[in-house]
C-alpha atoms as a PDB file:
ATOM      1  CA  MET A   1     -23.505 147.708-189.048  1.00  0.00           C
ATOM      2  CA  GLU A   2     -25.818 145.869-186.681  1.00  0.00           C
ATOM      3  CA  LEU A   3     -26.483 146.334-182.968  1.00  0.00           C
ATOM      4  CA  PHE A   4     -25.365 143.538-180.650  1.00  0.00           C
ATOM      5  CA  LEU A   5     -25.689 142.881-176.930  1.00  0.00           C
ATOM      6  CA  ILE A   6     -22.317 141.771-175.571  1.00  0.00           C
ATOM      7  CA  ALA A   7     -22.631 138.960-173.025  1.00  0.00           C
ATOM      8  CA  HIS A   8     -20.538 136.216-171.467  1.00  0.00           C
ATOM      9  CA  ILE A   9     -21.642 132.591-171.526  1.00  0.00           C
ATOM     10  CA  ALA A  10     -19.493 129.792-170.083  1.00  0.00           C
ATOM     11  CA  GLY A  11     -16.667 132.302-169.740  1.00  0.00           C
ATOM     12  CA  ARG A  12     -16.735 133.239-173.435  1.00  0.00           C
ATOM     13  CA  GLY A  13     -17.656 136.649-174.836  1.00  0.00           C
ATOM     14  CA  VAL A  14     -20.519 136.522-177.337  1.00  0.00           C
ATOM     15  CA  ALA A  15     -22.460 139.030-179.398  1.00  0.00           C
ATOM     16  CA  ILE A  16     -26.243 138.605-179.441  1.00  0.00           C
ATOM     17  CA  PRO A  17     -28.147 140.327-182.265  1.00  0.00           C
ATOM     18  CA  ALA A  18     -30.236 143.107-180.708  1.00  0.00           C
ATOM     19  CA  GLU A  19     -33.329 142.085-182.703  1.00  0.00           C
ATOM     20  CA  GLN A  20     -33.379 138.808-180.727  1.00  0.00           C
ATOM     21  CA  VAL A  21     -33.316 140.604-177.363  1.00  0.00           C
ATOM     22  CA  GLY A  22     -36.687 141.407-175.826  1.00  0.00           C
ATOM     23  CA  SER A  23     -35.200 142.570-172.543  1.00  0.00           C
ATOM     24  CA  VAL A  24     -32.448 141.905-170.027  1.00  0.00           C
ATOM     25  CA  VAL A  25     -33.526 140.854-166.545  1.00  0.00           C
ATOM     26  CA  ASP A  26     -32.535 139.388-163.228  1.00  0.00           C
ATOM     27  CA  ILE A  27     -34.753 136.368-162.690  1.00  0.00           C
ATOM     28  CA  GLY A  28     -36.163 135.199-159.375  1.00  0.00           C
ATOM     29  CA  ASP A  29     -36.915 131.714-158.191  1.00  0.00           C
ATOM     30  CA  VAL A  30     -36.974 128.984-160.814  1.00  0.00           C
ATOM     31  CA  VAL A  31     -39.406 126.093-160.434  1.00  0.00           C
ATOM     32  CA  ALA A  32     -38.132 122.825-161.889  1.00  0.00           C
ATOM     33  CA  VAL A  33     -40.308 120.993-164.398  1.00  0.00           C
ATOM     34  CA  PRO A  34     -40.383 117.211-163.931  1.00  0.00           C
ATOM     35  CA  GLN A  35     -39.074 115.223-166.903  1.00  0.00           C
ATOM     36  CA  ALA A  36     -38.074 118.346-168.823  1.00  0.00           C
ATOM     37  CA  GLU A  37     -35.060 118.252-171.114  1.00  0.00           C
ATOM     38  CA  ALA A  38     -31.788 118.907-169.255  1.00  0.00           C
ATOM     39  CA  ALA A  39     -31.340 122.328-170.905  1.00  0.00           C
ATOM     40  CA  ILE A  40     -34.596 123.555-169.382  1.00  0.00           C
ATOM     41  CA  ARG A  41     -33.796 124.832-165.905  1.00  0.00           C
ATOM     42  CA  GLY A  42     -37.493 125.416-165.181  1.00  0.00           C
ATOM     43  CA  LEU A  43     -40.084 128.174-165.092  1.00  0.00           C
ATOM     44  CA  THR A  44     -40.022 131.623-163.529  1.00  0.00           C
ATOM     45  CA  ALA A  45     -42.503 134.481-163.163  1.00  0.00           C
ATOM     46  CA  LEU A  46     -41.590 137.649-165.004  1.00  0.00           C
ATOM     47  CA  ARG A  47     -43.823 140.709-165.080  1.00  0.00           C
ATOM     48  CA  SER A  48     -47.067 138.747-164.643  1.00  0.00           C
ATOM     49  CA  ARG A  49     -46.125 136.060-167.144  1.00  0.00           C
ATOM     50  CA  VAL A  50     -44.349 132.741-166.940  1.00  0.00           C
ATOM     51  CA  VAL A  51     -41.178 132.153-168.961  1.00  0.00           C
ATOM     52  CA  THR A  52     -39.110 129.047-169.597  1.00  0.00           C
ATOM     53  CA  VAL A  53     -35.565 129.353-168.227  1.00  0.00           C
ATOM     54  CA  ILE A  54     -32.832 127.864-170.415  1.00  0.00           C
ATOM     55  CA  ASP A  55     -29.587 126.585-168.887  1.00  0.00           C
ATOM     56  CA  THR A  56     -27.369 127.935-171.645  1.00  0.00           C
ATOM     57  CA  GLY A  57     -24.287 125.933-170.699  1.00  0.00           C
ATOM     58  CA  THR A  58     -26.212 122.665-170.882  1.00  0.00           C
ATOM     59  CA  ALA A  59     -27.958 123.712-174.102  1.00  0.00           C
ATOM     60  CA  LEU A  60     -24.522 124.267-175.675  1.00  0.00           C
ATOM     61  CA  GLY A  61     -23.184 120.913-174.452  1.00  0.00           C
ATOM     62  CA  LEU A  62     -20.926 122.573-171.873  1.00  0.00           C
ATOM     63  CA  ALA A  63     -20.900 122.552-168.082  1.00  0.00           C
ATOM     64  CA  PRO A  64     -24.259 123.585-166.621  1.00  0.00           C
ATOM     65  CA  THR A  65     -24.745 127.274-165.874  1.00  0.00           C
ATOM     66  CA  PRO A  66     -24.224 127.796-162.111  1.00  0.00           C
ATOM     67  CA  GLU A  67     -27.399 127.601-160.035  1.00  0.00           C
ATOM     68  CA  THR A  68     -26.621 131.095-158.737  1.00  0.00           C
ATOM     69  CA  ALA A  69     -26.891 132.644-162.233  1.00  0.00           C
ATOM     70  CA  ARG A  70     -29.715 135.211-162.296  1.00  0.00           C
ATOM     71  CA  ARG A  71     -28.927 137.404-165.335  1.00  0.00           C
ATOM     72  CA  ALA A  72     -30.917 136.470-168.408  1.00  0.00           C
ATOM     73  CA  VAL A  73     -31.741 137.664-171.881  1.00  0.00           C
ATOM     74  CA  ILE A  74     -35.421 137.382-172.710  1.00  0.00           C
ATOM     75  CA  THR A  75     -36.115 136.262-176.242  1.00  0.00           C
ATOM     76  CA  GLN A  76     -39.174 135.053-178.079  1.00  0.00           C
ATOM     77  CA  VAL A  77     -39.135 131.921-180.236  1.00  0.00           C
ATOM     78  CA  ASP A  78     -42.269 130.767-182.052  1.00  0.00           C
ATOM     79  CA  GLY A  79     -44.403 133.074-179.895  1.00  0.00           C
ATOM     80  CA  HIS A  80     -43.050 131.783-176.561  1.00  0.00           C
ATOM     81  CA  ASP A  81     -40.854 133.686-174.106  1.00  0.00           C
ATOM     82  CA  TYR A  82     -37.544 132.219-172.905  1.00  0.00           C
ATOM     83  CA  ALA A  83     -35.004 133.438-170.359  1.00  0.00           C
ATOM     84  CA  ILE A  84     -31.518 132.584-171.656  1.00  0.00           C
ATOM     85  CA  LEU A  85     -29.121 132.499-168.698  1.00  0.00           C
ATOM     86  CA  VAL A  86     -25.819 134.377-169.095  1.00  0.00           C
ATOM     87  CA  ASP A  87     -22.774 134.804-166.854  1.00  0.00           C
ATOM     88  CA  SER A  88     -22.741 138.569-167.335  1.00  0.00           C
ATOM     89  CA  LEU A  89     -23.794 141.371-169.649  1.00  0.00           C
ATOM     90  CA  GLU A  90     -21.798 144.338-170.845  1.00  0.00           C
ATOM     91  CA  ASP A  91     -23.305 146.766-173.313  1.00  0.00           C
ATOM     92  CA  VAL A  92     -25.012 147.214-176.652  1.00  0.00           C
ATOM     93  CA  ALA A  93     -22.722 148.272-179.490  1.00  0.00           C
ATOM     94  CA  PRO A  94     -22.693 148.366-183.300  1.00  0.00           C
ATOM     95  CA  PHE A  95     -20.478 145.900-185.154  1.00  0.00           C
ATOM     96  CA  GLU A  96     -20.139 144.559-188.636  1.00  0.00           C
ATOM     97  CA  ARG A  97     -21.099 140.885-188.747  1.00  0.00           C
ATOM     98  CA  LEU A  98     -18.441 138.748-190.378  1.00  0.00           C
ATOM     99  CA  PRO A  99     -18.964 135.234-191.723  1.00  0.00           C
ATOM    100  CA  LEU A 100     -17.586 132.236-189.869  1.00  0.00           C
ATOM    101  CA  SER A 101     -14.329 131.085-191.390  1.00  0.00           C
ATOM    102  CA  SER A 102     -14.501 127.649-193.008  1.00  0.00           C
ATOM    103  CA  GLY A 103     -11.360 126.669-191.069  1.00  0.00           C
ATOM    104  CA  LEU A 104     -12.789 127.686-187.683  1.00  0.00           C
ATOM    105  CA  ALA A 105     -13.266 124.643-185.438  1.00  0.00           C
ATOM    106  CA  LEU A 106     -16.032 125.197-182.901  1.00  0.00           C
ATOM    107  CA  ASN A 107     -16.626 122.556-180.265  1.00  0.00           C
ATOM    108  CA  HIS A 108     -19.777 121.418-178.535  1.00  0.00           C
ATOM    109  CA  GLY A 109     -22.942 123.376-179.334  1.00  0.00           C
ATOM    110  CA  TRP A 110     -21.072 126.512-180.378  1.00  0.00           C
ATOM    111  CA  ALA A 111     -20.962 125.252-183.977  1.00  0.00           C
ATOM    112  CA  ALA A 112     -24.761 125.054-184.203  1.00  0.00           C
ATOM    113  CA  ALA A 113     -25.422 128.285-182.288  1.00  0.00           C
ATOM    114  CA  ALA A 114     -22.847 130.586-183.908  1.00  0.00           C
ATOM    115  CA  SER A 115     -24.052 132.562-186.911  1.00  0.00           C
ATOM    116  CA  GLY A 116     -21.011 134.755-187.492  1.00  0.00           C
ATOM    117  CA  LEU A 117     -18.280 136.762-185.832  1.00  0.00           C
ATOM    118  CA  VAL A 118     -17.729 140.330-184.732  1.00  0.00           C
ATOM    119  CA  ASP A 119     -14.368 141.921-184.028  1.00  0.00           C
ATOM    120  CA  ARG A 120     -14.336 143.927-180.799  1.00  0.00           C
ATOM    121  CA  ASP A 121     -11.034 145.780-180.664  1.00  0.00           C
ATOM    122  CA  GLY A 122      -9.127 142.766-182.000  1.00  0.00           C
ATOM    123  CA  GLU A 123     -11.085 140.241-179.925  1.00  0.00           C
ATOM    124  CA  PRO A 124     -13.184 137.932-182.130  1.00  0.00           C
ATOM    125  CA  MET A 125     -16.580 137.167-180.601  1.00  0.00           C
ATOM    126  CA  LEU A 126     -19.091 134.633-181.829  1.00  0.00           C
ATOM    127  CA  VAL A 127     -22.504 135.923-182.862  1.00  0.00           C
ATOM    128  CA  LEU A 128     -24.923 133.760-180.881  1.00  0.00           C
ATOM    129  CA  ASP A 129     -28.280 132.875-182.443  1.00  0.00           C
ATOM    130  CA  LEU A 130     -30.574 132.566-179.418  1.00  0.00           C
ATOM    131  CA  THR A 131     -33.078 130.435-181.333  1.00  0.00           C
ATOM    132  CA  ALA A 132     -30.388 127.731-181.589  1.00  0.00           C
ATOM    133  CA  VAL A 133     -30.060 127.653-177.783  1.00  0.00           C
ATOM    134  CA  VAL A 134     -33.766 126.940-177.193  1.00  0.00           C
ATOM    135  CA  PRO A 135     -34.380 123.184-177.242  1.00  0.00           C
ATOM    136  CA  SER A 136     -36.462 122.397-180.301  1.00  0.00           C
ATOM    137  CA  SER A 137     -37.225 118.787-179.471  1.00  0.00           C
ATOM    138  CA  LEU A 138     -39.913 119.773-176.968  1.00  0.00           C
ATOM    139  CA  PRO A 139     -42.960 121.977-177.391  1.00  0.00           C
ATOM    140  CA  ALA A 140     -42.693 125.109-175.270  1.00  0.00           C
ATOM    141  CA  LEU A 141     -43.653 124.502-171.641  1.00  0.00           C
ATOM    142  CA  VAL A 142     -45.690 127.674-171.458  1.00  0.00           C
ATOM    143  CA  ALA A 143     -48.147 128.903-174.062  1.00  0.00           C
END
């Protein structure tokens, strides 16, 4: 059994591995970065440091995350901090990770970001690999 943070992204329930979660926060103002990739909403100050804010919907090839979204999961990728925007957060709970079925058709960026499934009381939820949501084509905006 592994611990997962249950969240909602683009209206879909997902399970985020707890080892990828640094913290859960409400972010403040986001400053846009000129010429940044579309999935990068901008930068925000968080506890005396600057983090890159990821528009999760855009990163997954879906509709952009609403501008009013303020809940985020802080994760670290290659030594840099990122705020991954979510619609909502529920709780942390233990689940057994199941493999993705070979017949499961995932659209948009879900196929690249899903690393398994968990079954929450009969509701299958994708396990979301946060590193797959962070745009890799750009160096991190903040060192």
